[in-house]
């Protein structure tokens, strides 16, 4: 990604490109980590609540939930595998290349971006819920 932003006279070496790719792939992996875990936890909770007695009839486990969890897991494994392959290639080119720090930094950035995204979505949902509650209480003026 950084290779596209460099000046025309600057050429990035393959080592620098691989380091940037590893950090970017780790960031994508970190961004996908919590949504994947959340999808599987949601399915587990649906399965556990299915057997609980209640007033309404038991709802089956969501098929869309399985698709979502499977897709998130597939994406996470693809990016993790690609990151490991790029790390191996970097170690082949440059022996004793410091890969672990780049991976951790990329994962931290990915998790941080996901946390900011999740907080933004949560704030938007809360504002919409408050707005709807206010409209119901006062009635609409339309």
Protein backbone atom coordinates (compact mmCIF):
# COMPACT_ATOMS: atom_id res chain seq x y z
CA UNK A 1 0.00 0.00 0.00
CA UNK A 2 2.81 2.38 0.83
CA UNK A 3 4.45 1.57 -2.50
CA UNK A 4 1.57 3.39 -4.22
CA UNK A 5 2.11 6.50 -2.11
CA UNK A 6 5.83 6.86 -2.78
CA UNK A 7 7.29 9.47 -5.08
CA UNK A 8 7.99 8.42 -8.69
CA UNK A 9 11.76 8.46 -8.11
CA UNK A 10 11.55 6.29 -4.98
CA UNK A 11 11.56 2.56 -5.43
CA UNK A 12 10.73 0.37 -2.47
CA UNK A 13 12.83 -2.71 -2.04
CA UNK A 14 11.08 -6.07 -1.82
CA UNK A 15 12.03 -6.24 1.86
CA UNK A 16 10.26 -2.95 2.63
CA UNK A 17 7.24 -4.00 0.59
CA UNK A 18 7.02 -7.30 2.47
CA UNK A 19 7.29 -5.53 5.84
CA UNK A 20 4.47 -3.18 4.84
CA UNK A 21 2.41 -6.11 3.55
CA UNK A 22 2.90 -8.04 6.78
CA UNK A 23 1.81 -5.07 8.87
CA UNK A 24 -1.23 -4.48 6.65
CA UNK A 25 -2.26 -8.13 6.68
CA UNK A 26 -1.89 -8.23 10.46
CA UNK A 27 -4.10 -5.14 10.68
CA UNK A 28 -6.79 -6.77 8.58
CA UNK A 29 -6.52 -9.91 10.71
CA UNK A 30 -6.88 -7.86 13.89
CA UNK A 31 -9.89 -6.05 12.43
CA UNK A 32 -11.61 -9.38 11.63
CA UNK A 33 -10.73 -11.10 14.91
CA UNK A 34 -13.49 -9.78 17.19
CA UNK A 35 -16.32 -9.90 14.63
CA UNK A 36 -15.44 -13.55 13.97
CA UNK A 37 -15.41 -14.38 17.67
CA UNK A 38 -18.66 -12.47 18.13
CA UNK A 39 -20.37 -14.39 15.34
CA UNK A 40 -19.42 -17.73 16.89
CA UNK A 41 -20.44 -16.57 20.39
CA UNK A 42 -23.81 -15.42 19.03
CA UNK A 43 -24.34 -18.88 17.53
CA UNK A 44 -23.34 -20.54 20.79
CA UNK A 45 -25.81 -18.39 22.74
CA UNK A 46 -28.59 -19.18 20.27
CA UNK A 47 -27.85 -22.87 20.65
CA UNK A 48 -27.80 -22.70 24.46
CA UNK A 49 -31.01 -20.64 24.66
CA UNK A 50 -32.79 -23.01 22.31
CA UNK A 51 -33.20 -25.59 25.07
CA UNK A 52 -34.47 -23.16 27.72
CA UNK A 53 -38.16 -23.40 28.56
CA UNK A 54 -40.11 -20.24 27.85
CA UNK A 55 -43.47 -18.81 26.91
CA UNK A 56 -42.83 -18.88 23.18
CA UNK A 57 -41.69 -21.83 21.15
CA UNK A 58 -37.96 -22.37 20.79
CA UNK A 59 -36.34 -20.65 17.81
CA UNK A 60 -33.86 -22.67 15.78
CA UNK A 61 -30.24 -21.65 15.40
CA UNK A 62 -29.89 -19.09 12.62
CA UNK A 63 -28.69 -20.34 9.25
CA UNK A 64 -27.57 -16.83 8.36
CA UNK A 65 -25.54 -16.83 11.58
CA UNK A 66 -23.72 -19.96 10.41
CA UNK A 67 -22.99 -18.35 7.06
CA UNK A 68 -21.75 -15.15 8.74
CA UNK A 69 -19.52 -17.06 11.21
CA UNK A 70 -18.15 -19.30 8.46
CA UNK A 71 -17.42 -16.37 6.17
CA UNK A 72 -15.70 -14.38 8.92
CA UNK A 73 -13.62 -17.43 9.89
CA UNK A 74 -12.66 -18.07 6.26
CA UNK A 75 -11.62 -14.43 5.78
CA UNK A 76 -9.62 -14.41 9.00
CA UNK A 77 -7.84 -17.66 8.13
CA UNK A 78 -7.09 -16.43 4.60
CA UNK A 79 -5.47 -13.21 5.82
CA UNK A 80 -3.63 -15.00 8.64
CA UNK A 81 -2.29 -17.61 6.19
CA UNK A 82 -1.22 -14.90 3.74
CA UNK A 83 0.49 -13.01 6.58
CA UNK A 84 2.40 -16.14 7.63
CA UNK A 85 3.44 -16.78 4.02
CA UNK A 86 4.66 -13.19 3.62
CA UNK A 87 6.57 -13.50 6.90
CA UNK A 88 8.23 -16.65 5.64
CA UNK A 89 9.22 -14.96 2.38
CA UNK A 90 10.65 -12.00 4.30
CA UNK A 91 12.72 -14.37 6.44
CA UNK A 92 13.95 -16.10 3.25
CA UNK A 93 15.05 -12.77 1.77
CA UNK A 94 16.43 -11.25 4.94
CA UNK A 95 17.53 -13.75 7.59
CA UNK A 96 16.55 -12.87 11.17
CA UNK A 97 14.06 -10.27 9.97
CA UNK A 98 12.08 -8.77 12.88
CA UNK A 99 8.58 -9.93 11.95
CA UNK A 100 7.00 -10.36 15.38
CA UNK A 101 6.98 -6.63 16.20
CA UNK A 102 5.37 -5.74 12.88
CA UNK A 103 2.70 -8.38 13.35
CA UNK A 104 1.88 -7.19 16.87
CA UNK A 105 1.79 -3.57 15.74
CA UNK A 106 -0.49 -4.42 12.82
CA UNK A 107 -2.81 -6.49 15.04
CA UNK A 108 -3.01 -3.64 17.56
CA UNK A 109 -3.87 -1.13 14.84
CA UNK A 110 -6.52 -3.47 13.40
CA UNK A 111 -8.12 -4.05 16.80
CA UNK A 112 -8.00 -0.29 17.47
CA UNK A 113 -9.72 0.52 14.17
CA UNK A 114 -12.35 -2.12 14.93
CA UNK A 115 -12.91 -0.64 18.42
CA UNK A 116 -13.40 2.85 16.99
CA UNK A 117 -15.78 1.45 14.37
CA UNK A 118 -17.75 -0.48 17.02
CA UNK A 119 -17.99 2.60 19.27
CA UNK A 120 -19.25 4.69 16.35
CA UNK A 121 -21.90 2.15 15.40
CA UNK A 122 -22.96 1.86 19.05
CA UNK A 123 -23.31 5.64 19.36
CA UNK A 124 -25.37 5.81 16.17
CA UNK A 125 -27.69 3.04 17.36
CA UNK A 126 -28.12 4.69 20.75
CA UNK A 127 -28.94 8.04 19.14
CA UNK A 128 -31.48 6.42 16.80
CA UNK A 129 -33.10 4.58 19.71
CA UNK A 130 -33.32 7.80 21.75
CA UNK A 131 -34.80 9.64 18.78
CA UNK A 132 -37.43 6.94 18.26
CA UNK A 133 -38.27 6.93 21.96
CA UNK A 134 -38.75 10.71 21.85
CA UNK A 135 -40.99 10.49 18.79
CA UNK A 136 -43.19 7.88 20.44
CA UNK A 137 -43.47 9.90 23.62
CA UNK A 138 -44.33 13.21 21.95
CA UNK A 139 -45.91 11.93 18.77
CA UNK A 140 -44.78 12.91 15.33
CA UNK A 141 -45.55 16.35 13.94
CA UNK A 142 -45.81 15.15 10.37
